[in-house]
Amino acid sequence: MAAVFGIEFGFNKEKSRVKAEGYLQANKLPNAIAEYEKILKVEPNDLTILNTVGDVYARLGQNEKAIERWKRKDLPRVKKTPRGWVPTSSS
């Protein structure tokens, strides 16, 4: 894959996601993680994929890695207010 301006060419996120889900259904959890990690290399802040990878790590009993995915320090923190979701300072 070649990267130009931060965009990966030759990578299809949807195909990779479908492949990862197939691995999950077949209970091939390490393979699923490897496929999801490919997506995160291209889109490191995809919250759905981050949470899914965290869940898979937890299923494998790799709790530290799961927490690492669920609690990314570089993602903005938000809180719900009557006016909607607003950024908060990191704890």
C-alpha atoms as a PDB file:
ATOM      1  CA  MET A   1       0.000   0.000   0.000  1.00  0.00           C
ATOM      2  CA  ALA A   2       1.224   3.434  -0.837  1.00  0.00           C
ATOM      3  CA  ALA A   3       0.417   6.471   1.289  1.00  0.00           C
ATOM      4  CA  VAL A   4      -0.082   9.877  -0.269  1.00  0.00           C
ATOM      5  CA  PHE A   5      -1.052  12.807   1.957  1.00  0.00           C
ATOM      6  CA  GLY A   6      -1.870  10.342   4.744  1.00  0.00           C
ATOM      7  CA  ILE A   7      -4.301   8.383   2.579  1.00  0.00           C
ATOM      8  CA  GLU A   8      -3.649   4.674   2.073  1.00  0.00           C
ATOM      9  CA  PHE A   9      -4.272   3.416  -1.444  1.00  0.00           C
ATOM     10  CA  GLY A  10      -4.970  -0.233  -2.126  1.00  0.00           C
ATOM     11  CA  PHE A  11      -6.808  -0.652   1.191  1.00  0.00           C
ATOM     12  CA  ASN A  12     -10.536  -1.264   1.426  1.00  0.00           C
ATOM     13  CA  LYS A  13     -11.824  -0.642   4.934  1.00  0.00           C
ATOM     14  CA  GLU A  14     -15.163  -2.312   4.310  1.00  0.00           C
ATOM     15  CA  LYS A  15     -13.580  -5.505   2.954  1.00  0.00           C
ATOM     16  CA  SER A  16     -11.251  -5.623   5.936  1.00  0.00           C
ATOM     17  CA  ARG A  17     -14.147  -5.065   8.356  1.00  0.00           C
ATOM     18  CA  VAL A  18     -16.213  -7.839   6.755  1.00  0.00           C
ATOM     19  CA  LYS A  19     -13.211 -10.161   6.870  1.00  0.00           C
ATOM     20  CA  ALA A  20     -12.686  -9.356  10.570  1.00  0.00           C
ATOM     21  CA  GLU A  21     -16.354 -10.046  11.327  1.00  0.00           C
ATOM     22  CA  GLY A  22     -16.025 -13.393   9.564  1.00  0.00           C
ATOM     23  CA  TYR A  23     -13.093 -14.245  11.803  1.00  0.00           C
ATOM     24  CA  LEU A  24     -15.172 -13.279  14.840  1.00  0.00           C
ATOM     25  CA  GLN A  25     -18.015 -15.542  13.763  1.00  0.00           C
ATOM     26  CA  ALA A  26     -15.527 -18.391  13.275  1.00  0.00           C
ATOM     27  CA  ASN A  27     -14.076 -17.626  16.738  1.00  0.00           C
ATOM     28  CA  LYS A  28     -10.667 -16.846  15.186  1.00  0.00           C
ATOM     29  CA  LEU A  29     -10.127 -13.933  17.524  1.00  0.00           C
ATOM     30  CA  PRO A  30      -6.412 -13.254  16.873  1.00  0.00           C
ATOM     31  CA  ASN A  31      -7.144 -13.104  13.135  1.00  0.00           C
ATOM     32  CA  ALA A  32     -10.010 -10.689  13.762  1.00  0.00           C
ATOM     33  CA  ILE A  33      -7.747  -8.431  15.814  1.00  0.00           C
ATOM     34  CA  ALA A  34      -5.117  -8.448  13.067  1.00  0.00           C
ATOM     35  CA  GLU A  35      -7.731  -7.388  10.507  1.00  0.00           C
ATOM     36  CA  TYR A  36      -9.148  -4.659  12.762  1.00  0.00           C
ATOM     37  CA  GLU A  37      -5.627  -3.386  13.461  1.00  0.00           C
ATOM     38  CA  LYS A  38      -5.181  -2.887   9.697  1.00  0.00           C
ATOM     39  CA  ILE A  39      -8.184  -0.573   9.784  1.00  0.00           C
ATOM     40  CA  LEU A  40      -6.809   1.306  12.789  1.00  0.00           C
ATOM     41  CA  LYS A  41      -3.538   1.947  10.946  1.00  0.00           C
ATOM     42  CA  VAL A  42      -5.546   3.919   8.384  1.00  0.00           C
ATOM     43  CA  GLU A  43      -8.202   5.329  10.736  1.00  0.00           C
ATOM     44  CA  PRO A  44      -6.732   5.306  14.263  1.00  0.00           C
ATOM     45  CA  ASN A  45      -9.667   7.189  15.799  1.00  0.00           C
ATOM     46  CA  ASP A  46     -12.476   4.937  14.535  1.00  0.00           C
ATOM     47  CA  LEU A  47     -14.335   4.525  17.822  1.00  0.00           C
ATOM     48  CA  THR A  48     -16.406   1.578  16.640  1.00  0.00           C
ATOM     49  CA  ILE A  49     -13.314  -0.392  15.656  1.00  0.00           C
ATOM     50  CA  LEU A  50     -11.455   0.655  18.823  1.00  0.00           C
ATOM     51  CA  ASN A  51     -14.322  -0.586  20.990  1.00  0.00           C
ATOM     52  CA  THR A  52     -14.645  -3.803  19.010  1.00  0.00           C
ATOM     53  CA  VAL A  53     -10.923  -4.545  19.296  1.00  0.00           C
ATOM     54  CA  GLY A  54     -11.162  -3.856  23.027  1.00  0.00           C
ATOM     55  CA  ASP A  55     -14.027  -6.324  23.290  1.00  0.00           C
ATOM     56  CA  VAL A  56     -12.081  -8.995  21.402  1.00  0.00           C
ATOM     57  CA  TYR A  57      -9.006  -8.508  23.581  1.00  0.00           C
ATOM     58  CA  ALA A  58     -11.254  -8.869  26.641  1.00  0.00           C
ATOM     59  CA  ARG A  59     -12.675 -12.122  25.263  1.00  0.00           C
ATOM     60  CA  LEU A  60      -9.099 -13.366  24.950  1.00  0.00           C
ATOM     61  CA  GLY A  61      -8.428 -12.407  28.566  1.00  0.00           C
ATOM     62  CA  GLN A  62      -5.956  -9.699  27.504  1.00  0.00           C
ATOM     63  CA  ASN A  63      -7.494  -7.083  29.751  1.00  0.00           C
ATOM     64  CA  GLU A  64      -4.608  -4.596  29.652  1.00  0.00           C
ATOM     65  CA  LYS A  65      -4.774  -4.438  25.855  1.00  0.00           C
ATOM     66  CA  ALA A  66      -8.565  -4.168  26.021  1.00  0.00           C
ATOM     67  CA  ILE A  67      -8.380  -1.212  28.399  1.00  0.00           C
ATOM     68  CA  GLU A  68      -5.721   0.385  26.205  1.00  0.00           C
ATOM     69  CA  ARG A  69      -8.155   0.332  23.275  1.00  0.00           C
ATOM     70  CA  TRP A  70     -11.147   1.486  25.287  1.00  0.00           C
ATOM     71  CA  LYS A  71      -9.298   4.322  27.014  1.00  0.00           C
ATOM     72  CA  ARG A  72      -7.336   6.076  24.310  1.00  0.00           C
ATOM     73  CA  LYS A  73      -5.590   9.158  25.714  1.00  0.00           C
ATOM     74  CA  ASP A  74      -5.374  10.938  22.368  1.00  0.00           C
ATOM     75  CA  LEU A  75      -9.131  10.984  21.761  1.00  0.00           C
ATOM     76  CA  PRO A  76     -11.141  14.006  22.859  1.00  0.00           C
ATOM     77  CA  ARG A  77     -13.191  13.560  26.030  1.00  0.00           C
ATOM     78  CA  VAL A  78     -16.796  14.742  25.989  1.00  0.00           C
ATOM     79  CA  LYS A  79     -19.694  14.992  28.378  1.00  0.00           C
ATOM     80  CA  LYS A  80     -23.428  15.210  27.780  1.00  0.00           C
ATOM     81  CA  THR A  81     -25.098  18.482  28.670  1.00  0.00           C
ATOM     82  CA  PRO A  82     -28.620  19.816  28.052  1.00  0.00           C
ATOM     83  CA  ARG A  83     -27.167  21.518  24.949  1.00  0.00           C
ATOM     84  CA  GLY A  84     -25.599  18.294  23.625  1.00  0.00           C
ATOM     85  CA  TRP A  85     -22.150  16.726  23.792  1.00  0.00           C
ATOM     86  CA  VAL A  86     -19.325  19.134  24.622  1.00  0.00           C
ATOM     87  CA  PRO A  87     -15.544  18.667  25.009  1.00  0.00           C
ATOM     88  CA  THR A  88     -14.136  18.408  28.507  1.00  0.00           C
ATOM     89  CA  SER A  89     -10.627  18.610  29.856  1.00  0.00           C
ATOM     90  CA  SER A  90      -8.767  15.293  30.077  1.00  0.00           C
ATOM     91  CA  SER A  91      -8.481  13.638  33.479  1.00  0.00           C
END
